[in-house]
Full PDB file with SEQRES, HELIX, SHEET, SSBOND, CRYST1, ORIGX, SCALE, CONECT and MASTER records, all heavy atoms in Angstrom:
SEQRES   1 A   30  PRO LEU SER THR GLU SER GLU GLY ILE ARG LEU ASN LEU          
SEQRES   2 A   30  PHE SER TYR LYS GLY ALA LYS LEU ASP VAL GLY VAL PRO          
SEQRES   3 A   30  VAL HIS PHE ARG                                              
CRYST1    1.000    1.000    1.000  90.00  90.00  90.00 P 1           1          
ORIGX1      1.000000  0.000000  0.000000        0.00000                         
ORIGX2      0.000000  1.000000  0.000000        0.00000                         
ORIGX3      0.000000  0.000000  1.000000        0.00000                         
SCALE1      1.000000  0.000000  0.000000        0.00000                         
SCALE2      0.000000  1.000000  0.000000        0.00000                         
SCALE3      0.000000  0.000000  1.000000        0.00000                         
ATOM      1  N   PRO A   1      72.333 172.070  97.324  1.00  0.00           N  
ATOM      2  CA  PRO A   1      73.147 172.697  96.163  1.00  0.00           C  
ATOM      3  C   PRO A   1      73.068 171.907  94.897  1.00  0.00           C  
ATOM      4  O   PRO A   1      72.878 170.637  94.955  1.00  0.00           O  
ATOM      5  CB  PRO A   1      74.578 172.699  96.707  1.00  0.00           C  
ATOM      6  CG  PRO A   1      74.543 171.635  97.711  1.00  0.00           C  
ATOM      7  CD  PRO A   1      73.201 171.575  98.323  1.00  0.00           C  
ATOM      8  N   LEU A   2      73.056 172.567  93.757  1.00  0.00           N  
ATOM      9  CA  LEU A   2      72.881 171.829  92.473  1.00  0.00           C  
ATOM     10  C   LEU A   2      74.148 170.971  92.222  1.00  0.00           C  
ATOM     11  O   LEU A   2      73.993 169.868  91.748  1.00  0.00           O  
ATOM     12  CB  LEU A   2      72.729 172.890  91.348  1.00  0.00           C  
ATOM     13  CG  LEU A   2      71.493 173.759  91.435  1.00  0.00           C  
ATOM     14  CD1 LEU A   2      71.563 174.807  90.396  1.00  0.00           C  
ATOM     15  CD2 LEU A   2      70.264 172.861  91.330  1.00  0.00           C  
ATOM     16  N   SER A   3      75.272 171.466  92.512  1.00  0.00           N  
ATOM     17  CA  SER A   3      76.463 170.626  92.238  1.00  0.00           C  
ATOM     18  C   SER A   3      77.639 171.235  93.054  1.00  0.00           C  
ATOM     19  O   SER A   3      77.618 172.389  93.432  1.00  0.00           O  
ATOM     20  CB  SER A   3      76.806 170.673  90.766  1.00  0.00           C  
ATOM     21  OG  SER A   3      78.019 169.922  90.537  1.00  0.00           O  
ATOM     22  N   THR A   4      78.542 170.386  93.398  1.00  0.00           N  
ATOM     23  CA  THR A   4      79.704 170.836  94.097  1.00  0.00           C  
ATOM     24  C   THR A   4      80.933 170.883  93.185  1.00  0.00           C  
ATOM     25  O   THR A   4      81.982 171.020  93.644  1.00  0.00           O  
ATOM     26  CB  THR A   4      80.028 169.892  95.326  1.00  0.00           C  
ATOM     27  OG1 THR A   4      80.112 168.573  94.809  1.00  0.00           O  
ATOM     28  CG2 THR A   4      78.849 169.932  96.245  1.00  0.00           C  
ATOM     29  N   GLU A   5      80.705 170.697  91.873  1.00  0.00           N  
ATOM     30  CA  GLU A   5      81.798 170.597  90.939  1.00  0.00           C  
ATOM     31  C   GLU A   5      82.327 172.006  90.685  1.00  0.00           C  
ATOM     32  O   GLU A   5      81.592 172.991  90.670  1.00  0.00           O  
ATOM     33  CB  GLU A   5      81.372 169.942  89.630  1.00  0.00           C  
ATOM     34  CG  GLU A   5      80.173 170.653  88.957  1.00  0.00           C  
ATOM     35  CD  GLU A   5      79.686 169.847  87.801  1.00  0.00           C  
ATOM     36  OE1 GLU A   5      80.566 169.289  87.150  1.00  0.00           O  
ATOM     37  OE2 GLU A   5      78.515 169.823  87.587  1.00  0.00           O  
ATOM     38  N   SER A   6      83.613 172.116  90.371  1.00  0.00           N  
ATOM     39  CA  SER A   6      84.230 173.443  90.145  1.00  0.00           C  
ATOM     40  C   SER A   6      84.782 173.523  88.793  1.00  0.00           C  
ATOM     41  O   SER A   6      85.235 174.547  88.324  1.00  0.00           O  
ATOM     42  CB  SER A   6      85.286 173.709  91.245  1.00  0.00           C  
ATOM     43  OG  SER A   6      86.242 172.703  91.188  1.00  0.00           O  
ATOM     44  N   GLU A   7      84.854 172.371  88.087  1.00  0.00           N  
ATOM     45  CA  GLU A   7      85.419 172.390  86.732  1.00  0.00           C  
ATOM     46  C   GLU A   7      84.444 172.930  85.675  1.00  0.00           C  
ATOM     47  O   GLU A   7      83.167 172.619  85.764  1.00  0.00           O  
ATOM     48  CB  GLU A   7      85.882 170.972  86.302  1.00  0.00           C  
ATOM     49  CG  GLU A   7      87.008 170.439  87.216  1.00  0.00           C  
ATOM     50  CD  GLU A   7      87.489 169.135  86.709  1.00  0.00           C  
ATOM     51  OE1 GLU A   7      86.911 168.582  85.807  1.00  0.00           O  
ATOM     52  OE2 GLU A   7      88.446 168.575  87.298  1.00  0.00           O  
ATOM     53  N   GLY A   8      84.900 173.662  84.791  1.00  0.00           N  
ATOM     54  CA  GLY A   8      84.008 174.250  83.745  1.00  0.00           C  
ATOM     55  C   GLY A   8      84.243 175.774  83.651  1.00  0.00           C  
ATOM     56  O   GLY A   8      85.257 176.305  84.143  1.00  0.00           O  
ATOM     57  N   ILE A   9      83.241 176.490  83.076  1.00  0.00           N  
ATOM     58  CA  ILE A   9      83.315 177.877  82.987  1.00  0.00           C  
ATOM     59  C   ILE A   9      81.994 178.491  83.387  1.00  0.00           C  
ATOM     60  O   ILE A   9      80.928 177.935  83.106  1.00  0.00           O  
ATOM     61  CB  ILE A   9      83.730 178.281  81.510  1.00  0.00           C  
ATOM     62  CG1 ILE A   9      83.927 179.789  81.443  1.00  0.00           C  
ATOM     63  CG2 ILE A   9      82.607 177.848  80.552  1.00  0.00           C  
ATOM     64  CD1 ILE A   9      84.474 180.245  80.023  1.00  0.00           C  
ATOM     65  N   ARG A  10      82.107 179.611  84.053  1.00  0.00           N  
ATOM     66  CA  ARG A  10      80.915 180.324  84.516  1.00  0.00           C  
ATOM     67  C   ARG A  10      80.746 181.583  83.658  1.00  0.00           C  
ATOM     68  O   ARG A  10      81.725 182.276  83.420  1.00  0.00           O  
ATOM     69  CB  ARG A  10      81.014 180.681  86.020  1.00  0.00           C  
ATOM     70  CG  ARG A  10      80.784 179.465  86.889  1.00  0.00           C  
ATOM     71  CD  ARG A  10      80.993 179.775  88.425  1.00  0.00           C  
ATOM     72  NE  ARG A  10      80.561 178.671  89.205  1.00  0.00           N  
ATOM     73  CZ  ARG A  10      81.314 177.587  89.457  1.00  0.00           C  
ATOM     74  NH1 ARG A  10      82.491 177.537  88.915  1.00  0.00           N  
ATOM     75  NH2 ARG A  10      80.811 176.632  90.242  1.00  0.00           N  
ATOM     76  N   LEU A  11      79.441 181.810  83.267  1.00  0.00           N  
ATOM     77  CA  LEU A  11      79.133 182.934  82.401  1.00  0.00           C  
ATOM     78  C   LEU A  11      77.977 183.733  83.026  1.00  0.00           C  
ATOM     79  O   LEU A  11      77.173 183.198  83.795  1.00  0.00           O  
ATOM     80  CB  LEU A  11      78.711 182.447  81.012  1.00  0.00           C  
ATOM     81  CG  LEU A  11      79.698 181.455  80.317  1.00  0.00           C  
ATOM     82  CD1 LEU A  11      79.052 180.968  78.999  1.00  0.00           C  
ATOM     83  CD2 LEU A  11      80.992 182.143  79.964  1.00  0.00           C  
ATOM     84  N   ASN A  12      77.975 184.980  82.692  1.00  0.00           N  
ATOM     85  CA  ASN A  12      76.884 185.909  83.064  1.00  0.00           C  
ATOM     86  C   ASN A  12      76.007 186.240  81.878  1.00  0.00           C  
ATOM     87  O   ASN A  12      76.476 186.833  80.857  1.00  0.00           O  
ATOM     88  CB  ASN A  12      77.395 187.175  83.728  1.00  0.00           C  
ATOM     89  CG  ASN A  12      77.987 187.016  85.143  1.00  0.00           C  
ATOM     90  OD1 ASN A  12      77.455 186.183  85.885  1.00  0.00           O  
ATOM     91  ND2 ASN A  12      79.061 187.696  85.423  1.00  0.00           N  
ATOM     92  N   LEU A  13      74.721 185.875  81.976  1.00  0.00           N  
ATOM     93  CA  LEU A  13      73.823 186.133  80.924  1.00  0.00           C  
ATOM     94  C   LEU A  13      72.844 187.235  81.336  1.00  0.00           C  
ATOM     95  O   LEU A  13      72.319 187.184  82.487  1.00  0.00           O  
ATOM     96  CB  LEU A  13      73.040 184.873  80.483  1.00  0.00           C  
ATOM     97  CG  LEU A  13      73.862 183.627  80.233  1.00  0.00           C  
ATOM     98  CD1 LEU A  13      72.888 182.485  79.833  1.00  0.00           C  
ATOM     99  CD2 LEU A  13      74.843 183.935  79.060  1.00  0.00           C  
ATOM    100  N   PHE A  14      72.515 188.205  80.480  1.00  0.00           N  
ATOM    101  CA  PHE A  14      71.643 189.274  80.777  1.00  0.00           C  
ATOM    102  C   PHE A  14      70.443 189.218  79.798  1.00  0.00           C  
ATOM    103  O   PHE A  14      70.548 189.205  78.639  1.00  0.00           O  
ATOM    104  CB  PHE A  14      72.337 190.660  80.594  1.00  0.00           C  
ATOM    105  CG  PHE A  14      73.485 190.895  81.596  1.00  0.00           C  
ATOM    106  CD1 PHE A  14      74.756 190.476  81.281  1.00  0.00           C  
ATOM    107  CD2 PHE A  14      73.236 191.414  82.841  1.00  0.00           C  
ATOM    108  CE1 PHE A  14      75.778 190.660  82.149  1.00  0.00           C  
ATOM    109  CE2 PHE A  14      74.276 191.603  83.690  1.00  0.00           C  
ATOM    110  CZ  PHE A  14      75.571 191.195  83.397  1.00  0.00           C  
ATOM    111  N   SER A  15      69.227 189.153  80.460  1.00  0.00           N  
ATOM    112  CA  SER A  15      67.980 189.013  79.741  1.00  0.00           C  
ATOM    113  C   SER A  15      67.210 190.373  79.842  1.00  0.00           C  
ATOM    114  O   SER A  15      66.913 190.794  80.982  1.00  0.00           O  
ATOM    115  CB  SER A  15      67.167 187.832  80.265  1.00  0.00           C  
ATOM    116  OG  SER A  15      65.892 187.812  79.677  1.00  0.00           O  
ATOM    117  N   TYR A  16      66.917 190.929  78.660  1.00  0.00           N  
ATOM    118  CA  TYR A  16      66.163 192.198  78.695  1.00  0.00           C  
ATOM    119  C   TYR A  16      64.719 191.977  78.325  1.00  0.00           C  
ATOM    120  O   TYR A  16      63.953 192.954  78.467  1.00  0.00           O  
ATOM    121  CB  TYR A  16      66.789 193.136  77.686  1.00  0.00           C  
ATOM    122  CG  TYR A  16      68.211 193.484  78.014  1.00  0.00           C  
ATOM    123  CD1 TYR A  16      69.281 192.725  77.489  1.00  0.00           C  
ATOM    124  CD2 TYR A  16      68.541 194.644  78.812  1.00  0.00           C  
ATOM    125  CE1 TYR A  16      70.630 193.060  77.812  1.00  0.00           C  
ATOM    126  CE2 TYR A  16      69.880 194.835  79.190  1.00  0.00           C  
ATOM    127  CZ  TYR A  16      70.932 194.097  78.595  1.00  0.00           C  
ATOM    128  OH  TYR A  16      72.253 194.361  78.945  1.00  0.00           O  
ATOM    129  N   LYS A  17      64.341 190.818  77.993  1.00  0.00           N  
ATOM    130  CA  LYS A  17      62.944 190.548  77.647  1.00  0.00           C  
ATOM    131  C   LYS A  17      62.630 189.133  78.224  1.00  0.00           C  
ATOM    132  O   LYS A  17      63.500 188.323  78.507  1.00  0.00           O  
ATOM    133  CB  LYS A  17      62.683 190.508  76.169  1.00  0.00           C  
ATOM    134  CG  LYS A  17      62.803 191.857  75.512  1.00  0.00           C  
ATOM    135  CD  LYS A  17      62.473 191.836  74.098  1.00  0.00           C  
ATOM    136  CE  LYS A  17      62.644 193.173  73.416  1.00  0.00           C  
ATOM    137  NZ  LYS A  17      62.310 193.068  71.952  1.00  0.00           N  
ATOM    138  N   GLY A  18      61.342 188.792  78.315  1.00  0.00           N  
ATOM    139  CA  GLY A  18      60.940 187.460  78.705  1.00  0.00           C  
ATOM    140  C   GLY A  18      60.856 187.316  80.235  1.00  0.00           C  
ATOM    141  O   GLY A  18      61.182 188.185  81.014  1.00  0.00           O  
ATOM    142  N   ALA A  19      60.294 186.167  80.595  1.00  0.00           N  
ATOM    143  CA  ALA A  19      60.023 185.890  82.005  1.00  0.00           C  
ATOM    144  C   ALA A  19      61.255 185.410  82.715  1.00  0.00           C  
ATOM    145  O   ALA A  19      62.262 184.947  82.083  1.00  0.00           O  
ATOM    146  CB  ALA A  19      58.870 184.861  82.194  1.00  0.00           C  
ATOM    147  N   LYS A  20      61.210 185.339  84.025  1.00  0.00           N  
ATOM    148  CA  LYS A  20      62.322 184.917  84.860  1.00  0.00           C  
ATOM    149  C   LYS A  20      62.448 183.429  84.898  1.00  0.00           C  
ATOM    150  O   LYS A  20      61.454 182.723  84.939  1.00  0.00           O  
ATOM    151  CB  LYS A  20      62.204 185.469  86.236  1.00  0.00           C  
ATOM    152  CG  LYS A  20      63.143 184.899  87.315  1.00  0.00           C  
ATOM    153  CD  LYS A  20      62.878 185.464  88.623  1.00  0.00           C  
ATOM    154  CE  LYS A  20      63.693 184.697  89.686  1.00  0.00           C  
ATOM    155  NZ  LYS A  20      63.241 183.356  89.889  1.00  0.00           N  
ATOM    156  N   LEU A  21      63.675 182.928  84.800  1.00  0.00           N  
ATOM    157  CA  LEU A  21      63.951 181.509  84.913  1.00  0.00           C  
ATOM    158  C   LEU A  21      64.466 181.152  86.344  1.00  0.00           C  
ATOM    159  O   LEU A  21      65.038 182.092  86.931  1.00  0.00           O  
ATOM    160  CB  LEU A  21      64.993 181.049  83.905  1.00  0.00           C  
ATOM    161  CG  LEU A  21      64.597 181.208  82.419  1.00  0.00           C  
ATOM    162  CD1 LEU A  21      65.798 180.873  81.524  1.00  0.00           C  
ATOM    163  CD2 LEU A  21      63.352 180.454  82.037  1.00  0.00           C  
ATOM    164  N   ASP A  22      64.245 179.991  86.855  1.00  0.00           N  
ATOM    165  CA  ASP A  22      64.605 179.623  88.128  1.00  0.00           C  
ATOM    166  C   ASP A  22      66.043 179.028  88.159  1.00  0.00           C  
ATOM    167  O   ASP A  22      66.589 178.579  87.148  1.00  0.00           O  
ATOM    168  CB  ASP A  22      63.674 178.589  88.671  1.00  0.00           C  
ATOM    169  CG  ASP A  22      62.257 179.191  88.858  1.00  0.00           C  
ATOM    170  OD1 ASP A  22      62.160 180.424  89.044  1.00  0.00           O  
ATOM    171  OD2 ASP A  22      61.251 178.472  88.702  1.00  0.00           O  
ATOM    172  N   VAL A  23      66.511 178.963  89.392  1.00  0.00           N  
ATOM    173  CA  VAL A  23      67.857 178.285  89.624  1.00  0.00           C  
ATOM    174  C   VAL A  23      67.723 176.839  89.311  1.00  0.00           C  
ATOM    175  O   VAL A  23      66.653 176.171  89.663  1.00  0.00           O  
ATOM    176  CB  VAL A  23      68.344 178.496  91.087  1.00  0.00           C  
ATOM    177  CG1 VAL A  23      69.580 177.696  91.323  1.00  0.00           C  
ATOM    178  CG2 VAL A  23      68.547 179.953  91.330  1.00  0.00           C  
ATOM    179  N   GLY A  24      68.672 176.228  88.647  1.00  0.00           N  
ATOM    180  CA  GLY A  24      68.606 174.845  88.323  1.00  0.00           C  
ATOM    181  C   GLY A  24      68.143 174.550  86.872  1.00  0.00           C  
ATOM    182  O   GLY A  24      68.171 173.435  86.400  1.00  0.00           O  
ATOM    183  N   VAL A  25      67.685 175.622  86.201  1.00  0.00           N  
ATOM    184  CA  VAL A  25      67.255 175.397  84.815  1.00  0.00           C  
ATOM    185  C   VAL A  25      68.449 174.908  83.935  1.00  0.00           C  
ATOM    186  O   VAL A  25      69.531 175.490  84.039  1.00  0.00           O  
ATOM    187  CB  VAL A  25      66.659 176.743  84.227  1.00  0.00           C  
ATOM    188  CG1 VAL A  25      66.496 176.724  82.700  1.00  0.00           C  
ATOM    189  CG2 VAL A  25      65.353 177.065  84.920  1.00  0.00           C  
ATOM    190  N   PRO A  26      68.240 173.912  83.128  1.00  0.00           N  
ATOM    191  CA  PRO A  26      69.365 173.351  82.388  1.00  0.00           C  
ATOM    192  C   PRO A  26      69.751 174.244  81.185  1.00  0.00           C  
ATOM    193  O   PRO A  26      68.958 174.976  80.682  1.00  0.00           O  
ATOM    194  CB  PRO A  26      68.833 172.011  81.872  1.00  0.00           C  
ATOM    195  CG  PRO A  26      67.361 172.146  81.798  1.00  0.00           C  
ATOM    196  CD  PRO A  26      67.017 173.138  82.947  1.00  0.00           C  
ATOM    197  N   VAL A  27      71.020 174.132  80.791  1.00  0.00           N  
ATOM    198  CA  VAL A  27      71.539 174.775  79.649  1.00  0.00           C  
ATOM    199  C   VAL A  27      71.863 173.682  78.664  1.00  0.00           C  
ATOM    200  O   VAL A  27      72.595 172.661  78.969  1.00  0.00           O  
ATOM    201  CB  VAL A  27      72.818 175.573  80.000  1.00  0.00           C  
ATOM    202  CG1 VAL A  27      73.419 176.229  78.660  1.00  0.00           C  
ATOM    203  CG2 VAL A  27      72.496 176.636  80.985  1.00  0.00           C  
ATOM    204  N   HIS A  28      71.401 173.822  77.363  1.00  0.00           N  
ATOM    205  CA  HIS A  28      71.564 172.803  76.324  1.00  0.00           C  
ATOM    206  C   HIS A  28      72.427 173.344  75.178  1.00  0.00           C  
ATOM    207  O   HIS A  28      72.483 174.526  74.936  1.00  0.00           O  
ATOM    208  CB  HIS A  28      70.208 172.332  75.828  1.00  0.00           C  
ATOM    209  CG  HIS A  28      69.350 171.726  76.798  1.00  0.00           C  
ATOM    210  ND1 HIS A  28      68.431 172.398  77.561  1.00  0.00           N  
ATOM    211  CD2 HIS A  28      69.209 170.348  77.211  1.00  0.00           C  
ATOM    212  CE1 HIS A  28      67.801 171.565  78.433  1.00  0.00           C  
ATOM    213  NE2 HIS A  28      68.246 170.303  78.139  1.00  0.00           N  
ATOM    214  N   PHE A  29      73.094 172.362  74.570  1.00  0.00           N  
ATOM    215  CA  PHE A  29      73.738 172.595  73.299  1.00  0.00           C  
ATOM    216  C   PHE A  29      73.290 171.540  72.369  1.00  0.00           C  
ATOM    217  O   PHE A  29      73.599 170.338  72.521  1.00  0.00           O  
ATOM    218  CB  PHE A  29      75.270 172.608  73.455  1.00  0.00           C  
ATOM    219  CG  PHE A  29      76.063 172.768  72.196  1.00  0.00           C  
ATOM    220  CD1 PHE A  29      76.232 174.105  71.731  1.00  0.00           C  
ATOM    221  CD2 PHE A  29      76.542 171.727  71.382  1.00  0.00           C  
ATOM    222  CE1 PHE A  29      76.974 174.348  70.527  1.00  0.00           C  
ATOM    223  CE2 PHE A  29      77.155 172.005  70.251  1.00  0.00           C  
ATOM    224  CZ  PHE A  29      77.414 173.236  69.866  1.00  0.00           C  
ATOM    225  N   ARG A  30      72.566 171.847  71.320  1.00  0.00           N  
ATOM    226  CA  ARG A  30      71.938 170.961  70.360  1.00  0.00           C  
ATOM    227  C   ARG A  30      71.128 169.853  71.105  1.00  0.00           C  
ATOM    228  O   ARG A  30      71.167 168.679  70.711  1.00  0.00           O  
ATOM    229  CB  ARG A  30      73.087 170.322  69.513  1.00  0.00           C  
ATOM    230  CG  ARG A  30      73.792 171.225  68.608  1.00  0.00           C  
ATOM    231  CD  ARG A  30      74.766 170.525  67.782  1.00  0.00           C  
ATOM    232  NE  ARG A  30      75.478 171.579  66.806  1.00  0.00           N  
ATOM    233  CZ  ARG A  30      76.454 171.157  66.028  1.00  0.00           C  
ATOM    234  NH1 ARG A  30      76.823 169.946  65.979  1.00  0.00           N  
ATOM    235  NH2 ARG A  30      77.074 172.119  65.335  1.00  0.00           N  
TER     236      ARG A  30                                                      
MASTER        0    0    0    0    0    0    0    6  235    1    0    3          
END                                                                             
């Protein structure tokens, strides 16, 4: 499992174009 942490917020993102990303791909801010 990537992480066992439960703190934070979960979001659903919908992609209508582009290739598929895999589980574990990082999310960045700046």
